[in-house]
Structures are given as C-alpha cells and as structure tokens.
Protein backbone atom coordinates (compact mmCIF):
# COMPACT_ATOMS: atom_id res chain seq x y z
CA UNK A 1 212.84 142.84 98.53
CA UNK A 2 212.02 139.14 98.98
CA UNK A 3 209.56 140.10 101.69
CA UNK A 4 208.00 142.73 99.44
CA UNK A 5 207.63 140.27 96.59
CA UNK A 6 206.04 137.61 98.79
CA UNK A 7 203.66 139.98 100.56
CA UNK A 8 202.49 141.65 97.36
CA UNK A 9 201.92 138.27 95.74
CA UNK A 10 199.79 137.29 98.73
CA UNK A 11 197.74 140.47 98.30
CA UNK A 12 197.27 139.84 94.58
CA UNK A 13 196.14 136.25 95.20
CA UNK A 14 193.49 137.65 97.56
CA UNK A 15 192.37 140.12 94.89
CA UNK A 16 193.74 143.04 96.91
CA UNK A 17 196.02 145.87 95.78
CA UNK A 18 197.88 148.85 97.19
CA UNK A 19 196.35 151.66 95.13
CA UNK A 20 198.62 154.62 94.48
CA UNK A 21 198.12 158.15 93.14
CA UNK A 22 200.98 159.75 91.22
CA UNK A 23 201.09 163.52 90.80
CA UNK A 24 203.16 164.47 87.78
CA UNK A 25 203.51 162.47 84.57
CA UNK A 26 206.93 163.69 83.50
CA UNK A 27 210.00 161.48 83.24
CA UNK A 28 209.84 160.26 86.84
CA UNK A 29 206.08 159.85 87.07
CA UNK A 30 205.75 158.09 83.72
CA UNK A 31 208.58 155.71 84.61
CA UNK A 32 206.89 154.89 87.91
CA UNK A 33 203.54 154.16 86.23
CA UNK A 34 205.27 151.79 83.84
CA UNK A 35 207.27 149.97 86.50
CA UNK A 36 204.33 149.65 88.89
CA UNK A 37 202.17 148.18 86.14
CA UNK A 38 204.42 145.09 86.29
CA UNK A 39 204.22 144.57 90.05
CA UNK A 40 201.58 142.25 91.47
CA UNK A 41 199.61 143.61 94.41
CA UNK A 42 200.21 147.29 93.60
CA UNK A 43 198.49 149.59 91.11
CA UNK A 44 199.23 153.04 89.65
CA UNK A 45 195.52 153.72 89.98
CA UNK A 46 195.45 157.48 89.49
CA UNK A 47 197.70 159.88 87.61
CA UNK A 48 197.42 163.65 87.88
CA UNK A 49 198.87 166.05 85.34
CA UNK A 50 198.00 169.56 84.19
CA UNK A 51 198.25 168.25 80.62
CA UNK A 52 195.74 165.40 80.74
CA UNK A 53 197.18 163.83 77.58
CA UNK A 54 200.43 163.16 79.45
CA UNK A 55 198.55 161.31 82.19
CA UNK A 56 196.76 159.17 79.61
CA UNK A 57 200.02 158.55 77.74
CA UNK A 58 201.65 157.29 80.95
CA UNK A 59 198.98 154.58 81.11
CA UNK A 60 199.19 153.79 77.39
CA UNK A 61 202.97 153.43 77.54
CA UNK A 62 202.53 150.89 80.36
CA UNK A 63 200.27 148.75 78.17
CA UNK A 64 197.00 149.77 79.83
CA UNK A 65 194.16 149.81 77.30
CA UNK A 66 191.78 152.66 76.56
CA UNK A 67 188.85 150.62 77.91
CA UNK A 68 190.46 150.60 81.38
CA UNK A 69 191.21 154.33 81.52
CA UNK A 70 188.75 156.92 82.80
CA UNK A 71 189.34 160.64 82.32
CA UNK A 72 187.54 162.67 84.96
CA UNK A 73 187.76 165.59 87.38
CA UNK A 74 184.75 164.46 89.43
CA UNK A 75 185.64 162.96 92.81
CA UNK A 76 182.40 160.96 93.04
CA UNK A 77 182.88 159.53 89.57
CA UNK A 78 186.53 158.75 90.27
CA UNK A 79 185.71 156.98 93.53
CA UNK A 80 183.16 154.84 91.65
CA UNK A 81 185.60 153.80 88.92
CA UNK A 82 188.47 153.19 91.33
CA UNK A 83 186.23 150.68 93.10
CA UNK A 84 185.72 149.01 89.70
CA UNK A 85 189.47 148.69 89.20
CA UNK A 86 189.77 151.36 86.50
CA UNK A 87 192.77 153.65 85.99
CA UNK A 88 192.10 157.36 86.41
CA UNK A 89 193.63 160.30 84.56
CA UNK A 90 192.77 163.69 86.02
CA UNK A 91 193.89 167.32 86.01
CA UNK A 92 192.74 167.94 89.58
CA UNK A 93 195.60 167.54 92.05
CA UNK A 94 193.24 167.57 95.04
CA UNK A 95 191.66 164.31 93.92
CA UNK A 96 194.92 162.42 94.50
CA UNK A 97 194.68 163.07 98.23
CA UNK A 98 190.89 162.72 98.56
CA UNK A 99 190.04 159.60 96.56
CA UNK A 100 188.69 156.89 98.87
CA UNK A 101 190.73 153.85 97.91
CA UNK A 102 194.09 155.59 97.45
CA UNK A 103 196.55 154.59 100.20
CA UNK A 104 199.63 156.50 99.12
CA UNK A 105 200.38 159.61 97.09
CA UNK A 106 203.62 160.07 95.17
CA UNK A 107 204.74 163.62 94.41
CA UNK A 108 206.75 163.50 91.18
CA UNK A 109 206.43 167.19 90.28
CA UNK A 110 209.76 168.62 91.50
CA UNK A 111 208.02 171.93 92.24
CA UNK A 112 208.48 173.10 95.87
CA UNK A 113 205.12 174.89 96.21
CA UNK A 114 203.23 171.96 94.70
CA UNK A 115 205.10 169.54 96.94
CA UNK A 116 204.13 171.49 100.04
CA UNK A 117 200.45 171.46 99.08
CA UNK A 118 200.37 167.78 98.10
CA UNK A 119 202.08 166.78 101.33
CA UNK A 120 199.79 168.86 103.53
CA UNK A 121 196.67 167.58 101.80
CA UNK A 122 197.88 163.96 101.94
CA UNK A 123 198.56 164.20 105.66
CA UNK A 124 195.20 165.87 106.29
CA UNK A 125 193.43 163.07 104.39
CA UNK A 126 195.47 160.33 106.09
CA UNK A 127 197.38 159.21 103.00
CA UNK A 128 201.03 158.22 103.06
CA UNK A 129 203.12 160.71 101.10
CA UNK A 130 206.17 159.64 99.08
CA UNK A 131 208.38 162.51 97.94
CA UNK A 132 210.28 162.36 94.70
CA UNK A 133 210.20 166.12 95.27
CA UNK A 134 213.48 166.67 97.13
CA UNK A 135 213.14 170.34 96.21
CA UNK A 136 210.26 170.68 98.68
CA UNK A 137 211.65 168.22 101.23
CA UNK A 138 214.89 170.18 101.62
CA UNK A 139 212.92 173.30 102.64
CA UNK A 140 209.96 172.04 104.69
CA UNK A 141 210.56 168.31 105.10
CA UNK A 142 211.11 168.46 108.89
CA UNK A 143 207.75 170.09 109.63
CA UNK A 144 205.95 167.80 107.17
CA UNK A 145 207.56 164.77 108.81
CA UNK A 146 206.39 166.02 112.22
CA UNK A 147 202.84 166.61 110.98
CA UNK A 148 202.69 163.19 109.33
CA UNK A 149 203.90 161.46 112.47
CA UNK A 150 201.23 163.23 114.52
CA UNK A 151 198.59 162.18 111.97
CA UNK A 152 199.72 158.53 111.97
CA UNK A 153 200.85 158.42 108.36
CA UNK A 154 204.25 158.07 106.70
CA UNK A 155 206.16 160.97 105.16
CA UNK A 156 209.15 159.68 103.24
CA UNK A 157 211.66 160.26 100.51
CA UNK A 158 212.06 157.51 97.98
CA UNK A 159 214.29 154.56 97.34
CA UNK A 160 216.21 155.04 94.10
CA UNK A 161 216.82 158.75 94.53
CA UNK A 162 220.36 159.47 95.76
CA UNK A 163 219.33 160.42 99.31
CA UNK A 164 217.37 157.18 99.65
CA UNK A 165 220.24 155.15 98.19
CA UNK A 166 222.70 156.80 100.59
CA UNK A 167 220.37 156.07 103.51
CA UNK A 168 220.40 152.40 102.52
CA UNK A 169 224.20 152.33 102.92
CA UNK A 170 224.12 154.41 106.10
CA UNK A 171 221.53 152.19 107.79
CA UNK A 172 223.43 149.08 106.70
CA UNK A 173 226.69 150.33 108.22
CA UNK A 174 225.24 151.75 111.43
CA UNK A 175 223.00 148.72 111.87
CA UNK A 176 226.09 146.49 111.80
CA UNK A 177 227.85 148.61 114.42
CA UNK A 178 230.26 150.51 112.17
CA UNK A 179 231.05 154.21 112.58
CA UNK A 180 230.07 156.21 109.51
CA UNK A 181 232.40 159.13 108.83
CA UNK A 182 231.15 160.59 105.56
CA UNK A 183 228.32 160.08 103.07
CA UNK A 184 227.69 161.38 99.61
CA UNK A 185 226.96 160.96 95.93
CA UNK A 186 228.54 161.16 92.54
CA UNK A 187 227.80 164.06 90.20
CA UNK A 188 227.32 163.30 86.52
CA UNK A 189 228.06 166.68 84.96
CA UNK A 190 231.05 168.99 85.50
CA UNK A 191 230.02 171.89 87.74
CA UNK A 192 229.14 175.08 85.84
CA UNK A 193 227.73 177.86 88.03
CA UNK A 194 226.88 180.09 85.03
CA UNK A 195 224.88 177.60 82.97
CA UNK A 196 221.29 178.47 82.03
CA UNK A 197 218.40 176.84 80.11
CA UNK A 198 219.39 178.48 76.81
CA UNK A 199 222.89 176.99 76.95
CA UNK A 200 221.66 173.42 77.58
CA UNK A 201 218.52 173.56 75.42
CA UNK A 202 219.66 171.18 72.66
CA UNK A 203 221.38 168.82 75.08
CA UNK A 204 218.27 168.68 77.27
CA UNK A 205 216.03 167.79 74.33
CA UNK A 206 218.34 164.92 73.36
CA UNK A 207 218.16 163.59 76.94
CA UNK A 208 214.38 163.96 77.07
CA UNK A 209 214.66 166.53 79.87
CA UNK A 210 213.28 170.02 80.33
CA UNK A 211 216.10 172.59 79.98
CA UNK A 212 215.60 173.94 83.50
CA UNK A 213 215.92 170.43 84.92
CA UNK A 214 219.26 169.82 83.21
CA UNK A 215 220.41 173.30 84.26
CA UNK A 216 219.68 172.41 87.89
CA UNK A 217 221.84 169.31 87.54
CA UNK A 218 224.77 171.06 85.90
CA UNK A 219 224.91 174.16 88.17
CA UNK A 220 224.92 171.83 91.18
CA UNK A 221 221.63 172.95 92.73
CA UNK A 222 220.04 169.50 92.63
CA UNK A 223 223.18 167.95 94.09
CA UNK A 224 223.12 170.46 96.95
CA UNK A 225 219.42 169.81 97.59
CA UNK A 226 219.98 166.05 97.64
CA UNK A 227 222.83 166.45 100.10
CA UNK A 228 220.63 168.67 102.28
CA UNK A 229 218.06 165.86 102.44
CA UNK A 230 220.86 163.42 103.40
CA UNK A 231 222.00 165.81 106.12
CA UNK A 232 218.54 166.28 107.63
CA UNK A 233 218.11 162.50 107.74
CA UNK A 234 221.46 161.66 109.35
CA UNK A 235 222.64 164.76 111.20
CA UNK A 236 225.69 165.02 108.92
CA UNK A 237 226.71 168.48 107.66
CA UNK A 238 228.78 169.90 104.80
CA UNK A 239 232.46 170.20 105.71
CA UNK A 240 232.62 173.51 103.83
CA UNK A 241 229.97 175.58 102.05
CA UNK A 242 229.12 173.86 98.77
CA UNK A 243 231.14 170.77 99.64
CA UNK A 244 234.62 169.88 98.39
CA UNK A 245 233.39 168.32 95.15
CA UNK A 246 236.64 166.46 94.51
CA UNK A 247 237.55 164.44 91.45
CA UNK A 248 238.27 160.86 92.43
CA UNK A 249 237.82 157.26 91.46
CA UNK A 250 236.45 154.72 93.90
CA UNK A 251 239.79 153.35 95.12
CA UNK A 252 241.05 156.79 96.22
CA UNK A 253 237.91 157.88 98.09
CA UNK A 254 239.15 156.78 101.50
CA UNK A 255 242.42 158.67 100.97
CA UNK A 256 240.54 161.92 100.36
CA UNK A 257 237.83 161.42 102.97
CA UNK A 258 239.98 161.48 106.08
CA UNK A 259 241.01 164.34 108.35
CA UNK A 260 243.62 166.86 107.20
CA UNK A 261 246.00 165.73 109.92
CA UNK A 262 245.61 162.21 108.55
CA UNK A 263 246.50 163.31 105.02
CA UNK A 264 242.96 163.88 103.77
CA UNK A 265 240.81 166.92 102.96
CA UNK A 266 238.33 166.98 105.85
CA UNK A 267 238.16 169.42 108.73
CA UNK A 268 235.85 167.04 110.61
CA UNK A 269 233.99 163.77 110.28
CA UNK A 270 230.22 163.41 110.08
CA UNK A 271 230.04 165.17 106.72
CA UNK A 272 228.13 164.99 103.46
CA UNK A 273 229.77 165.72 100.10
CA UNK A 274 229.76 164.97 96.37
CA UNK A 275 232.42 163.53 94.08
CA UNK A 276 233.15 163.88 90.38
CA UNK A 277 234.13 160.57 88.82
CA UNK A 278 231.93 158.01 90.59
CA UNK A 279 228.49 158.89 89.20
CA UNK A 280 225.84 157.55 89.20
CA UNK A 281 226.81 155.92 92.48
CA UNK A 282 226.52 156.86 96.14
CA UNK A 283 228.92 156.11 98.99
CA UNK A 284 229.46 155.89 102.73
CA UNK A 285 232.90 156.02 104.36
CA UNK A 286 233.10 154.00 107.58
CA UNK A 287 235.54 152.65 110.17
CA UNK A 288 235.68 150.58 113.35
CA UNK A 289 237.59 150.77 116.64
CA UNK A 290 238.06 146.99 116.81
CA UNK A 291 241.36 145.48 115.61
CA UNK A 292 239.78 142.14 114.82
CA UNK A 293 237.12 143.78 112.64
CA UNK A 294 239.85 145.71 110.79
CA UNK A 295 241.58 142.38 110.09
CA UNK A 296 238.30 140.90 108.82
CA UNK A 297 237.64 143.88 106.51
CA UNK A 298 241.16 143.72 105.11
CA UNK A 299 240.82 139.97 104.60
CA UNK A 300 237.59 140.67 102.70
CA UNK A 301 239.45 143.06 100.34
CA UNK A 302 237.74 146.20 101.66
CA UNK A 303 241.07 148.06 101.64
CA UNK A 304 243.96 148.66 104.03
CA UNK A 305 241.97 150.88 106.40
CA UNK A 306 241.50 152.53 108.73
CA UNK A 307 238.66 153.94 106.62
CA UNK A 308 236.64 151.86 104.18
CA UNK A 309 234.03 152.63 101.54
CA UNK A 310 230.60 151.18 100.85
CA UNK A 311 229.55 151.98 97.31
CA UNK A 312 226.31 151.52 95.41
CA UNK A 313 227.07 151.97 91.71
CA UNK A 314 223.51 152.80 90.63
CA UNK A 315 220.25 154.41 91.63
CA UNK A 316 217.12 153.74 89.62
CA UNK A 317 215.15 156.85 90.67
CA UNK A 318 211.39 156.33 90.34
CA UNK A 319 211.79 152.72 89.20
CA UNK A 320 212.69 151.90 92.83
CA UNK A 321 209.87 153.96 94.33
CA UNK A 322 207.57 150.90 94.66
CA UNK A 323 209.90 149.70 97.45
CA UNK A 324 209.15 152.85 99.41
CA UNK A 325 205.43 152.65 98.65
CA UNK A 326 205.32 149.08 99.95
CA UNK A 327 207.28 149.85 103.13
CA UNK A 328 205.11 152.89 103.85
CA UNK A 329 201.80 151.11 103.28
CA UNK A 330 202.66 147.69 104.69
CA UNK A 331 205.14 148.39 107.50
CA UNK A 332 204.45 152.10 108.09
CA UNK A 333 208.17 152.76 107.62
CA UNK A 334 209.97 155.59 105.82
CA UNK A 335 212.89 154.99 103.44
CA UNK A 336 214.45 158.32 104.33
CA UNK A 337 213.01 161.20 106.32
CA UNK A 338 214.34 164.38 107.98
CA UNK A 339 214.37 162.81 111.44
CA UNK A 340 217.24 165.02 112.61
CA UNK A 341 215.32 168.24 111.94
CA UNK A 342 216.88 171.22 110.20
CA UNK A 343 220.58 170.41 109.94
CA UNK A 344 221.57 171.80 106.55
CA UNK A 345 220.22 174.32 104.07
CA UNK A 346 220.48 174.80 100.33
CA UNK A 347 221.04 178.54 100.24
CA UNK A 348 220.45 180.81 97.25
CA UNK A 349 223.40 182.38 95.39
CA UNK A 350 223.23 184.96 92.60
CA UNK A 351 224.20 183.53 89.20
CA UNK A 352 224.78 187.02 87.82
CA UNK A 353 224.62 190.66 88.94
CA UNK A 354 221.02 191.46 89.92
CA UNK A 355 219.46 194.91 90.12
CA UNK A 356 216.55 196.32 92.12
CA UNK A 357 213.33 195.38 90.32
CA UNK A 358 214.71 192.21 88.73
CA UNK A 359 212.70 189.04 89.17
CA UNK A 360 214.27 185.76 90.17
CA UNK A 361 213.28 182.41 88.66
CA UNK A 362 214.40 179.68 91.06
CA UNK A 363 215.93 176.23 90.59
CA UNK A 364 217.43 175.56 87.16
CA UNK A 365 216.97 179.10 85.92
CA UNK A 366 218.94 182.13 84.77
CA UNK A 367 219.38 184.07 88.01
CA UNK A 368 220.33 181.84 90.97
CA UNK A 369 221.86 178.52 91.98
CA UNK A 370 221.94 176.58 95.24
CA UNK A 371 224.78 175.77 97.61
CA UNK A 372 224.70 173.64 100.76
CA UNK A 373 225.47 175.22 104.13
CA UNK A 374 224.99 174.27 107.77
CA UNK A 375 221.58 175.47 108.90
CA UNK A 376 222.94 177.26 111.96
CA UNK A 377 225.16 179.37 109.66
CA UNK A 378 222.34 180.02 107.19
CA UNK A 379 220.05 181.12 110.00
CA UNK A 380 222.68 183.39 111.56
CA UNK A 381 223.35 185.07 108.20
CA UNK A 382 219.64 185.29 107.25
CA UNK A 383 220.16 183.29 104.04
CA UNK A 384 217.20 182.30 101.86
CA UNK A 385 216.69 178.62 100.96
CA UNK A 386 216.47 178.27 97.20
CA UNK A 387 213.24 176.31 97.42
CA UNK A 388 211.47 179.52 98.51
CA UNK A 389 212.58 181.39 95.39
CA UNK A 390 210.17 181.53 92.45
CA UNK A 391 209.21 183.80 89.55
CA UNK A 392 207.30 186.12 91.90
CA UNK A 393 210.43 186.87 93.94
CA UNK A 394 211.54 190.47 93.34
CA UNK A 395 214.99 191.93 94.05
CA UNK A 396 214.80 194.95 96.40
CA UNK A 397 218.57 195.43 96.90
CA UNK A 398 221.32 195.18 94.29
CA UNK A 399 223.04 191.78 94.48
CA UNK A 400 226.48 190.90 93.11
CA UNK A 401 227.21 187.75 91.14
CA UNK A 402 228.27 185.00 93.55
CA UNK A 403 226.69 186.71 96.56
CA UNK A 404 224.48 184.64 98.86
CA UNK A 405 220.96 186.10 98.96
CA UNK A 406 219.47 187.19 102.28
CA UNK A 407 215.83 187.73 103.17
CA UNK A 408 216.25 191.52 103.21
CA UNK A 409 217.42 191.51 99.57
CA UNK A 410 214.18 190.14 98.12
CA UNK A 411 210.41 190.42 98.36
CA UNK A 412 208.52 187.12 98.23
CA UNK A 413 204.91 186.02 98.02
CA UNK A 414 204.21 185.17 101.66
CA UNK A 415 200.83 183.58 100.95
CA UNK A 416 202.31 180.44 99.41
CA UNK A 417 201.95 177.14 101.25
CA UNK A 418 205.69 176.54 101.28
CA UNK A 419 206.48 179.97 102.73
CA UNK A 420 203.92 179.56 105.52
CA UNK A 421 205.15 176.03 106.24
CA UNK A 422 208.74 177.21 106.37
CA UNK A 423 207.94 179.94 108.88
CA UNK A 424 205.98 177.45 110.99
CA UNK A 425 208.91 175.05 110.83
CA UNK A 426 211.28 177.72 112.10
CA UNK A 427 208.92 178.68 114.92
CA UNK A 428 208.25 175.12 116.04
CA UNK A 429 211.57 173.38 115.43
CA UNK A 430 214.44 175.87 115.81
C-alpha cells in the first residue's frame, strides 16, 4: 500500500493517471467510482451502465461536476474527451474495452454472460480486466486467465472481495514458509435454501440491494461461487459437497478445522469452507513442522497449536479494488486468478420441484441455488455450473427439489459467449 501511494503520487505530480473504465454503476461500481475519485494518479474515467442516469449519478455522488461529465455513445467523441481529462458516461459496453486511453476495465455487473463478453473484449483490445464478477470467473475464469496471459495482459479478481482477501492471507502464510491447511470465509446470513426474491423483497430494499442479489447471499450461492474462485486459485477443494458450514467463533476455528482422527471435522486438509459466526471476515488455518516455530507462535499468543488461524476481520469489496487496478497496471500482477485451472465447481441444484417446460432463472432466483463440488466429481456426474443457467434455460426432464441438475435435464442457449467459452475451457484445459 505504501508503494502504491508513493507511485501514484509520482504519477499525479507528472500529470499522469491510470485511466479506468467501470462497467456497471450499481452498489459496487458506484462505490468504486467514489473511492477512486479520492486517489491521486488514478481516475474513474469512464462508467458504463444500461441506465445512463445511474452512470451520471455515480460521478455526481463522487463530487464530479456536470461541466466535467460527457454523455456519449460515440467512440471518436469519447476518445477526444478522454484526452481532455473529461469523465465519460455511456450506455455502450463495447466502448469500455475500445477507448484509447483506458488501461484497465473493471466488470462490476455480476452477470456471467456480460462478464464473459467484457473479459474477452478487454483481452482482445489489450486492456487489463479486473473481475468483481465472481459469477463469471467461477465458470470460465481459467480459460480467460489463459487467454489474458497469452495476450500479455492481466486477468484478475479483486482485492476486497472475499476470494481476494483470502488470497492475501494464503500468500502471506505460504510466502513465510507455513503450511496452509484450510481457507475460507464467514457467511453473514443463516443458510436458507428455499429463499426467493419475494421473501426478501422488503429486506433487500432496506439494504439498498436488488432482491435477487440478497437471495443469492442467503441461499448460499454467492458463498459457493466465492469458494470456487478460492479453490481455482489455490488448488484447495471442498471437503464435502456444499462445505461443512459450521457455527463457530474465532477461538474455536482451529478445533473444528483439523482431521477427524485429531478431533476435528475434516476428512482431509487442503480444503475450502465457510463458517457462520465470523462474518464479514476471512481465514486461513496453518501449521508448521518446526518445533521452534511452534514455540514462537505460542509465545506470540497465536494459540496452543498445532494448528493456528490467520484472520482478516473485514473486506471492503469494491473500495479495495484500486489496489488491484494499481498492481495490474503498474506491476502486471494479479490479486487472485484461477492459476490452478478447474479445481472446483458451483453446481446447480433445484430449489423446488421442476417440470418439463419450466424455465429456470439462475443465481438469486426462484428455481435453483448453487453448491460447491470438486470439479472432477461434477464432470463425472455431468453437473451444470450455475453460472451457465439463465432465463432461457428450459427444463426437458422432471427434476426433484434438492436434485443436482445435469446437462441432459435442460436445454440452454448455446450461442452465448459464456457457453462457448466454457466448452472451449473444457476442451483445452481438462
């Protein structure tokens, strides 16, 4: 962080800026625009949103005046005004990846199909791509990472999101020579596999969230997706389908996260999981084989061992994204990326009985929820990742409530970017 601050100040003193495009002006995108507006040497130069008023409002809320904002869908006009230091609001998503002076594109949409397109276009146009869209990353992140590497740009998840925060702890521990045994995150809401947008409507409005977004948090889908991203970045896997999801406070974590024969709950080490009772934090369980290091850790009040916990009690979501933008643009480094390939999958499970002819709706909806599984199991059983499910997905075989959905149970639109990318990923990387 000190390096980031110094380097960005140096840029600003030279009259230079890292210019960033943000796609999506919802809660995450708007927060990022505001935070970035207070950082020297970095600018939220372009905001894309289908509702142009939301893009403009993101700038207004950050204290940017009307005289500095240009509304346009013309690439030539936008390139001209970006050179003049103006802030651009546009409805055209393609402009984010084509504008001349934009160095990095942030996907803050949370829509898998949109994330696939933005990432592909960014890579093609040699822009770094920063994914707040874990929904897309969990499905096609490995192939996008491969394509970005071949193109010489950075594909990365973001600091501040739980996977990025977990990666910070993991890299810290491994970098110091410790053995990491388990990683994971807290979950804010009690798990409810039957919740739907109607049930949470009033609560969502009070929180300033869309009902489907809150539904995805409560039914666990977002937690499973985040853990899938952690798995694909570290090689860790779920210990059991869906994870254990224990209730625990911080001091008891190391008692739970040890092998069964050691008095814990785990069948193996090298796992990813979630915990009720420690949200909004993330954790890493680690150990060492050295007696002297055990003595040092105990002296430092890290517990009695042999397992210890690193805990980060917060994650600031998009407010931390500038860290990732800086590292991508300045050092060409990712915060978190699926470097281990396809390790885990967020599979699709029926939320209710489904009949032939029914249409599914996807993440945070009425019909399905997500659950984490090892990829090798998901592949063997022909299970569909939830990020491929959308409103055009039709049921072609009756499906029971609680039943994992296989490819032969549904008909999907195979012309979507994310579907084609997924099939390419399986061909190239399996």
